[in-house]
């Protein structure tokens, strides 16, 4: 699948809620969460700082995660903004001032999610069974749809523009990126709030555990990649990005292109697709300064990364990121957040354990796959 982006797209704000203390954008993985576990839980902030208190109790957790990440993203250029005041104005029907969400209301909101609002879906189905399909409250049903996160953000902001949610398993976030790039290139939008969110409930964790997704024994997440085995550790999170056609003083990087590959037959096919992808962007593998890989410690699937890097990239520096966030269908959104921060800071945190540190950081290629089925490449460059 190809995008047709000709002009540069700038990432001018980020917000990431993850199992690491990443939300405030005040530090860059200086403090780390290390757990011996098979499940990483996203760190919940005080959501009353992002949502009026009377609304918090009615929101599902994934919605609150998405709102917090989106608010952080849009207030990234102006961290002294007041989110609660802005949301209250929006709820009362007034357009939030630019100070409330930092940069005001974007032209579009495009999100991706793999499993959507699982918690509210479970609540609704559980109440249906317990109440014999009678006397059901509509709140959980209304909030159980996959587009609830993007819709709730739009309602809180007073954003009446294009709003779309992609639910394509391991391609969910990448599909949202592709749509965002097309919207910006076509001129239909000048600013887009791009995001992804996935939550992990106890029930969904157990179901995937029975399917052999996770490790049988707990492992230290920070040493996950050095201890390969059958299965990985589960994760969750929400990440949002402000995409604009114009460069700003707050610009992190440029989002150049995205490519998706479904069920490739071999690592050679993947390598060939990567080469074509780079050629489309007038680059070669030698132009890539850092290869950010979706390794997750699962020996059944990580071998693909090894083969591709060995056959295609040779001495290019590479590192992973899923030991920090865990595995989930939109984990590549955390990888994109990490890549944007690396390009802006022009340094690679020690915890990502890069092999052969590059002399400069101009182009980063994020290559990820979900269980060997959904393969994707995201190209970023220094602004």
Protein backbone atom coordinates (compact mmCIF):
# COMPACT_ATOMS: atom_id res chain seq x y z
CA UNK A 1 0.00 0.00 0.00
CA UNK A 2 1.43 3.36 -0.98
CA UNK A 3 0.94 6.94 0.07
CA UNK A 4 1.39 9.77 -2.35
CA UNK A 5 2.95 12.38 -0.08
CA UNK A 6 4.97 15.04 -1.91
CA UNK A 7 5.23 17.85 0.66
CA UNK A 8 6.73 17.54 4.11
CA UNK A 9 4.47 16.75 7.06
CA UNK A 10 5.69 18.02 10.41
CA UNK A 11 5.09 16.44 13.80
CA UNK A 12 4.56 19.51 15.98
CA UNK A 13 3.34 17.92 19.17
CA UNK A 14 3.32 14.55 20.93
CA UNK A 15 1.57 12.94 23.87
CA UNK A 16 2.21 9.40 25.03
CA UNK A 17 0.67 7.50 27.93
CA UNK A 18 2.46 4.20 28.42
CA UNK A 19 3.83 1.79 31.04
CA UNK A 20 6.77 4.22 31.32
CA UNK A 21 6.53 7.77 32.76
CA UNK A 22 6.25 9.37 29.31
CA UNK A 23 3.09 11.46 29.50
CA UNK A 24 4.35 14.92 30.45
CA UNK A 25 7.06 15.25 27.79
CA UNK A 26 9.22 16.71 30.57
CA UNK A 27 11.79 13.90 30.47
CA UNK A 28 12.98 11.41 27.91
CA UNK A 29 13.18 7.96 29.50
CA UNK A 30 15.45 9.16 32.30
CA UNK A 31 13.18 7.37 34.78
CA UNK A 32 12.19 3.81 33.95
CA UNK A 33 9.69 1.25 35.15
CA UNK A 34 11.22 -2.18 35.62
CA UNK A 35 8.92 -5.07 36.49
CA UNK A 36 9.23 -8.83 36.59
CA UNK A 37 5.92 -9.57 34.94
CA UNK A 38 4.09 -10.85 31.86
CA UNK A 39 1.83 -7.80 31.69
CA UNK A 40 2.75 -4.10 31.61
CA UNK A 41 0.02 -1.69 32.70
CA UNK A 42 -0.03 1.90 31.47
CA UNK A 43 0.62 4.46 34.19
CA UNK A 44 -2.64 6.25 34.94
CA UNK A 45 -2.25 9.97 35.74
CA UNK A 46 -4.71 11.97 37.78
CA UNK A 47 -7.35 12.15 35.07
CA UNK A 48 -9.09 15.04 36.84
CA UNK A 49 -6.24 17.21 35.55
CA UNK A 50 -7.42 16.46 32.00
CA UNK A 51 -11.17 15.97 32.33
CA UNK A 52 -13.76 17.77 34.50
CA UNK A 53 -14.23 15.64 37.65
CA UNK A 54 -17.95 15.05 37.05
CA UNK A 55 -17.11 13.44 33.68
CA UNK A 56 -14.29 11.16 34.84
CA UNK A 57 -16.47 8.52 36.46
CA UNK A 58 -18.55 8.03 33.31
CA UNK A 59 -15.54 7.50 31.04
CA UNK A 60 -13.99 4.12 30.32
CA UNK A 61 -10.28 3.81 30.98
CA UNK A 62 -9.21 3.75 27.32
CA UNK A 63 -11.18 6.96 26.72
CA UNK A 64 -9.42 8.66 29.63
CA UNK A 65 -6.09 7.42 28.34
CA UNK A 66 -6.80 8.81 24.90
CA UNK A 67 -8.01 12.17 26.21
CA UNK A 68 -4.93 12.55 28.42
CA UNK A 69 -2.54 11.73 25.58
CA UNK A 70 -4.40 13.99 23.12
CA UNK A 71 -4.48 16.90 25.59
CA UNK A 72 -0.76 16.48 26.27
CA UNK A 73 -0.09 16.45 22.53
CA UNK A 74 -2.07 19.58 21.73
CA UNK A 75 -0.77 21.49 24.76
CA UNK A 76 2.80 20.38 24.04
CA UNK A 77 3.75 23.83 22.68
CA UNK A 78 2.19 25.53 25.74
CA UNK A 79 2.48 23.32 28.83
CA UNK A 80 0.94 25.97 31.12
CA UNK A 81 -2.50 25.61 29.56
CA UNK A 82 -5.54 24.67 31.63
CA UNK A 83 -7.12 21.47 30.29
CA UNK A 84 -10.10 21.38 32.66
CA UNK A 85 -11.15 24.96 31.84
CA UNK A 86 -10.86 24.24 28.12
CA UNK A 87 -12.92 21.06 28.31
CA UNK A 88 -15.59 22.74 30.38
CA UNK A 89 -15.99 25.45 27.74
CA UNK A 90 -16.22 22.83 25.00
CA UNK A 91 -18.83 20.86 26.93
CA UNK A 92 -20.93 24.01 27.28
CA UNK A 93 -20.83 24.57 23.53
CA UNK A 94 -18.09 27.19 23.26
CA UNK A 95 -15.03 26.71 21.12
CA UNK A 96 -11.99 26.26 23.36
CA UNK A 97 -9.49 29.11 23.14
CA UNK A 98 -6.06 28.30 21.80
CA UNK A 99 -4.65 28.43 25.32
CA UNK A 100 -6.87 25.56 26.49
CA UNK A 101 -5.55 22.83 24.23
CA UNK A 102 -2.35 24.66 23.33
CA UNK A 103 -2.89 25.05 19.58
CA UNK A 104 -6.66 25.13 19.37
CA UNK A 105 -8.85 22.75 17.37
CA UNK A 106 -7.31 20.67 14.55
CA UNK A 107 -9.03 20.22 11.21
CA UNK A 108 -9.38 16.46 11.66
CA UNK A 109 -8.99 13.68 14.22
CA UNK A 110 -7.82 10.29 12.92
CA UNK A 111 -7.23 7.38 15.28
CA UNK A 112 -6.40 3.69 15.21
CA UNK A 113 -7.19 0.93 17.67
CA UNK A 114 -6.78 -2.81 17.59
CA UNK A 115 -9.43 -3.91 20.07
CA UNK A 116 -11.23 -0.69 20.97
CA UNK A 117 -13.10 -0.17 24.23
CA UNK A 118 -12.83 -3.68 25.61
CA UNK A 119 -13.64 -2.70 29.20
CA UNK A 120 -17.00 -1.12 28.31
CA UNK A 121 -17.84 -3.99 25.97
CA UNK A 122 -17.25 -6.45 28.82
CA UNK A 123 -19.38 -4.35 31.18
CA UNK A 124 -22.29 -4.24 28.76
CA UNK A 125 -22.19 -7.95 27.98
CA UNK A 126 -21.78 -8.81 31.67
CA UNK A 127 -24.80 -6.71 32.64
CA UNK A 128 -26.81 -8.27 29.82
CA UNK A 129 -26.12 -11.76 31.18
CA UNK A 130 -26.66 -10.85 34.84
CA UNK A 131 -29.89 -8.94 34.18
CA UNK A 132 -31.30 -11.49 31.77
CA UNK A 133 -31.21 -8.89 28.96
CA UNK A 134 -33.45 -6.50 30.90
CA UNK A 135 -33.02 -3.09 32.58
CA UNK A 136 -29.77 -2.31 30.78
CA UNK A 137 -28.15 1.10 31.07
CA UNK A 138 -26.95 2.50 27.75
CA UNK A 139 -23.68 4.10 28.90
CA UNK A 140 -21.43 1.06 28.50
CA UNK A 141 -23.00 0.19 25.15
CA UNK A 142 -22.53 3.73 23.82
CA UNK A 143 -18.91 3.79 24.95
CA UNK A 144 -18.11 0.29 23.70
CA UNK A 145 -17.79 1.24 20.02
CA UNK A 146 -14.33 1.46 18.52
CA UNK A 147 -14.60 5.11 17.52
CA UNK A 148 -15.48 6.31 21.02
CA UNK A 149 -11.98 7.62 21.81
CA UNK A 150 -11.77 9.88 18.76
CA UNK A 151 -15.41 10.91 19.12
CA UNK A 152 -15.04 11.82 22.78
CA UNK A 153 -11.96 13.91 22.09
CA UNK A 154 -13.85 15.73 19.33
CA UNK A 155 -16.80 16.43 21.62
CA UNK A 156 -14.58 17.76 24.38
CA UNK A 157 -12.65 19.99 21.98
CA UNK A 158 -15.58 21.14 19.90
CA UNK A 159 -13.97 19.70 16.77
CA UNK A 160 -16.58 19.24 14.01
CA UNK A 161 -14.22 18.22 11.22
CA UNK A 162 -13.26 14.88 9.68
CA UNK A 163 -13.17 12.15 12.31
CA UNK A 164 -12.31 8.56 11.49
CA UNK A 165 -11.13 5.50 13.40
CA UNK A 166 -9.32 2.55 11.81
CA UNK A 167 -9.67 -0.95 13.26
CA UNK A 168 -7.33 -3.18 11.28
CA UNK A 169 -5.52 -5.21 13.95
CA UNK A 170 -1.79 -4.70 13.46
CA UNK A 171 -2.42 -2.16 10.68
CA UNK A 172 -4.77 0.07 12.70
CA UNK A 173 -2.32 2.85 13.52
CA UNK A 174 -0.54 2.65 10.17
CA UNK A 175 -3.88 3.00 8.36
CA UNK A 176 -4.56 6.13 10.41
CA UNK A 177 -1.14 7.49 9.40
CA UNK A 178 -1.82 6.82 5.73
CA UNK A 179 -5.18 8.58 5.87
CA UNK A 180 -3.58 11.53 7.69
CA UNK A 181 -0.90 11.92 5.05
CA UNK A 182 -3.46 11.76 2.25
CA UNK A 183 -5.68 14.36 3.96
CA UNK A 184 -2.75 16.74 4.37
CA UNK A 185 -1.40 16.20 0.85
CA UNK A 186 -4.82 16.74 -0.73
CA UNK A 187 -5.26 20.00 1.13
CA UNK A 188 -8.41 18.85 2.91
CA UNK A 189 -6.71 19.55 6.22
CA UNK A 190 -3.84 21.68 7.43
CA UNK A 191 -3.60 20.17 10.90
CA UNK A 192 -4.53 16.67 12.08
CA UNK A 193 -4.62 15.04 15.48
CA UNK A 194 -3.33 11.52 14.81
CA UNK A 195 -3.47 8.90 17.54
CA UNK A 196 -3.83 5.33 18.70
CA UNK A 197 -5.01 3.65 21.86
CA UNK A 198 -5.41 0.10 23.13
CA UNK A 199 -6.21 -1.18 26.60
CA UNK A 200 -5.71 -4.60 28.16
CA UNK A 201 -8.33 -6.03 30.50
CA UNK A 202 -7.99 -9.14 32.64
CA UNK A 203 -10.36 -11.07 30.38
CA UNK A 204 -8.65 -10.13 27.12
CA UNK A 205 -5.29 -10.90 28.71
CA UNK A 206 -6.43 -14.39 29.74
CA UNK A 207 -7.92 -15.12 26.32
CA UNK A 208 -4.68 -14.18 24.56
CA UNK A 209 -2.72 -16.07 27.19
CA UNK A 210 -4.59 -19.26 26.28
CA UNK A 211 -3.71 -18.56 22.65
CA UNK A 212 -0.02 -18.62 23.55
CA UNK A 213 0.68 -14.90 23.16
CA UNK A 214 2.41 -14.31 26.50
CA UNK A 215 5.29 -15.78 28.47
CA UNK A 216 4.48 -18.55 30.89
CA UNK A 217 6.86 -17.19 33.51
CA UNK A 218 7.39 -13.53 34.48
CA UNK A 219 10.45 -11.79 33.07
CA UNK A 220 12.07 -8.41 33.73
CA UNK A 221 10.74 -6.18 30.97
CA UNK A 222 14.00 -4.22 30.68
CA UNK A 223 15.93 -7.41 29.89
CA UNK A 224 13.17 -8.96 27.75
CA UNK A 225 15.05 -8.67 24.46
CA UNK A 226 18.16 -10.32 25.91
CA UNK A 227 16.10 -13.30 27.10
CA UNK A 228 14.17 -14.62 24.07
CA UNK A 229 11.61 -17.35 24.53
CA UNK A 230 8.15 -18.48 23.52
CA UNK A 231 5.74 -15.58 24.00
CA UNK A 232 6.23 -11.99 25.09
CA UNK A 233 4.81 -9.54 27.64
CA UNK A 234 1.47 -7.78 27.16
CA UNK A 235 1.20 -4.03 27.02
CA UNK A 236 -1.14 -1.11 26.44
CA UNK A 237 -1.03 2.62 25.89
CA UNK A 238 -2.17 5.69 23.99
CA UNK A 239 -0.12 8.04 21.81
CA UNK A 240 -1.14 11.14 19.85
CA UNK A 241 0.66 13.37 17.37
CA UNK A 242 -0.09 16.79 15.94
CA UNK A 243 0.59 16.73 12.19
CA UNK A 244 0.78 20.00 10.27
CA UNK A 245 1.89 21.23 6.88
CA UNK A 246 3.95 24.06 8.39
CA UNK A 247 7.11 23.77 10.45
CA UNK A 248 6.92 25.31 13.93
CA UNK A 249 9.44 26.07 16.70
CA UNK A 250 7.96 23.00 18.44
CA UNK A 251 8.57 20.63 15.52
CA UNK A 252 9.92 17.21 16.50
CA UNK A 253 10.49 15.64 13.09
CA UNK A 254 8.92 15.09 9.70
CA UNK A 255 6.67 12.12 9.00
CA UNK A 256 7.70 11.13 5.49
CA UNK A 257 5.86 7.97 4.53
CA UNK A 258 4.27 4.70 5.63
CA UNK A 259 4.07 1.27 4.01
CA UNK A 260 2.13 -1.88 4.94
CA UNK A 261 2.75 -5.47 3.92
CA UNK A 262 0.29 -8.27 4.69
CA UNK A 263 1.53 -11.82 5.25
CA UNK A 264 4.79 -11.67 3.27
CA UNK A 265 6.08 -15.02 2.07
CA UNK A 266 9.68 -14.52 3.17
CA UNK A 267 12.20 -12.11 4.66
CA UNK A 268 13.46 -11.55 1.11
CA UNK A 269 10.05 -10.17 0.12
CA UNK A 270 10.13 -7.85 3.13
CA UNK A 271 13.64 -6.66 2.28
CA UNK A 272 12.62 -5.97 -1.31
CA UNK A 273 9.60 -4.01 -0.15
CA UNK A 274 11.74 -1.93 2.21
CA UNK A 275 14.21 -1.11 -0.57
CA UNK A 276 11.35 -0.01 -2.86
CA UNK A 277 9.84 2.00 -0.04
CA UNK A 278 13.09 3.88 0.52
CA UNK A 279 13.62 4.40 -3.22
CA UNK A 280 10.17 5.95 -3.42
CA UNK A 281 11.41 8.48 -0.90
CA UNK A 282 14.71 8.97 -2.76
CA UNK A 283 16.73 7.13 -0.12
CA UNK A 284 18.79 3.95 0.14
CA UNK A 285 19.42 1.68 3.09
CA UNK A 286 22.74 3.51 3.63
CA UNK A 287 20.82 6.74 4.32
CA UNK A 288 19.08 5.23 7.35
CA UNK A 289 20.84 6.27 10.55
CA UNK A 290 18.73 4.22 12.96
CA UNK A 291 16.53 1.18 12.48
CA UNK A 292 13.86 1.04 15.19
CA UNK A 293 12.55 -2.52 15.37
CA UNK A 294 9.46 -4.03 16.97
CA UNK A 295 11.33 -6.90 18.62
CA UNK A 296 9.35 -8.27 21.56
CA UNK A 297 11.44 -11.19 22.81
CA UNK A 298 9.22 -13.84 21.19
CA UNK A 299 11.66 -16.21 19.51
CA UNK A 300 8.96 -17.37 17.08
CA UNK A 301 8.74 -13.95 15.43
CA UNK A 302 11.89 -11.95 16.21
CA UNK A 303 13.94 -13.97 13.74
CA UNK A 304 12.32 -11.97 10.93
CA UNK A 305 13.89 -8.79 12.26
CA UNK A 306 17.29 -10.49 12.43
CA UNK A 307 17.05 -11.74 8.84
CA UNK A 308 15.89 -8.39 7.44
CA UNK A 309 18.56 -6.36 9.23
CA UNK A 310 21.30 -8.81 8.28
CA UNK A 311 20.30 -9.06 4.61
CA UNK A 312 19.28 -5.46 4.00
CA UNK A 313 20.89 -3.03 6.42
CA UNK A 314 24.28 -4.49 7.24
CA UNK A 315 26.01 -2.12 9.67
CA UNK A 316 23.06 0.24 10.26
CA UNK A 317 22.43 0.88 13.96
CA UNK A 318 19.32 -0.85 15.29
CA UNK A 319 17.38 -1.08 18.54
CA UNK A 320 14.02 -2.17 19.95
CA UNK A 321 11.24 -0.56 21.97
CA UNK A 322 8.66 -3.15 23.06
CA UNK A 323 10.53 -3.99 26.25
CA UNK A 324 9.34 -0.55 27.37
CA UNK A 325 5.68 -0.68 26.32
CA UNK A 326 4.85 -4.36 25.86
CA UNK A 327 3.12 -5.90 22.85
CA UNK A 328 -0.26 -4.74 21.57
CA UNK A 329 -1.81 -4.08 18.18
CA UNK A 330 -0.94 -0.38 18.07
CA UNK A 331 2.44 -0.60 19.82
CA UNK A 332 4.01 1.05 16.77
CA UNK A 333 2.50 4.32 18.04
CA UNK A 334 4.85 4.11 21.02
CA UNK A 335 7.67 3.40 18.58
CA UNK A 336 6.74 6.52 16.60
CA UNK A 337 6.74 8.59 19.79
CA UNK A 338 10.19 7.25 20.64
CA UNK A 339 11.51 8.00 17.15
CA UNK A 340 10.22 11.58 17.20
CA UNK A 341 11.84 12.22 20.56
CA UNK A 342 15.15 10.75 19.37
CA UNK A 343 15.20 12.99 16.31
CA UNK A 344 14.38 16.10 18.29
CA UNK A 345 16.85 15.40 21.10
CA UNK A 346 19.47 14.02 18.68
CA UNK A 347 20.35 11.33 21.17
CA UNK A 348 19.35 7.73 21.81
CA UNK A 349 18.41 6.74 25.38
CA UNK A 350 20.64 4.03 26.80
CA UNK A 351 17.63 1.85 27.66
CA UNK A 352 16.81 1.15 24.00
CA UNK A 353 20.19 -0.61 23.83
CA UNK A 354 21.23 0.51 20.39
CA UNK A 355 23.82 -1.54 18.56
CA UNK A 356 26.62 0.56 17.04
CA UNK A 357 25.53 4.12 17.85
CA UNK A 358 25.26 6.23 14.68
CA UNK A 359 27.41 9.32 14.16
CA UNK A 360 24.34 11.39 13.25
CA UNK A 361 20.56 11.12 13.32
CA UNK A 362 18.88 12.27 10.13
CA UNK A 363 16.59 9.42 9.03
CA UNK A 364 14.90 6.77 11.19
CA UNK A 365 13.04 3.77 9.82
CA UNK A 366 10.53 2.13 12.14
CA UNK A 367 9.93 -1.48 11.08
CA UNK A 368 7.34 -3.42 13.04
CA UNK A 369 5.20 -6.49 12.61
CA UNK A 370 2.36 -7.95 14.63
CA UNK A 371 2.73 -11.72 15.05
CA UNK A 372 4.32 -12.09 11.63
CA UNK A 373 1.11 -11.04 9.85
CA UNK A 374 0.94 -7.25 9.68
CA UNK A 375 4.27 -5.74 8.65
CA UNK A 376 4.76 -1.98 8.45
CA UNK A 377 7.46 0.62 7.78
CA UNK A 378 7.30 4.23 8.95
CA UNK A 379 9.92 6.72 7.75
CA UNK A 380 10.83 9.84 9.73
CA UNK A 381 13.44 12.52 9.19
CA UNK A 382 15.01 15.32 11.16
CA UNK A 383 13.17 18.58 10.50
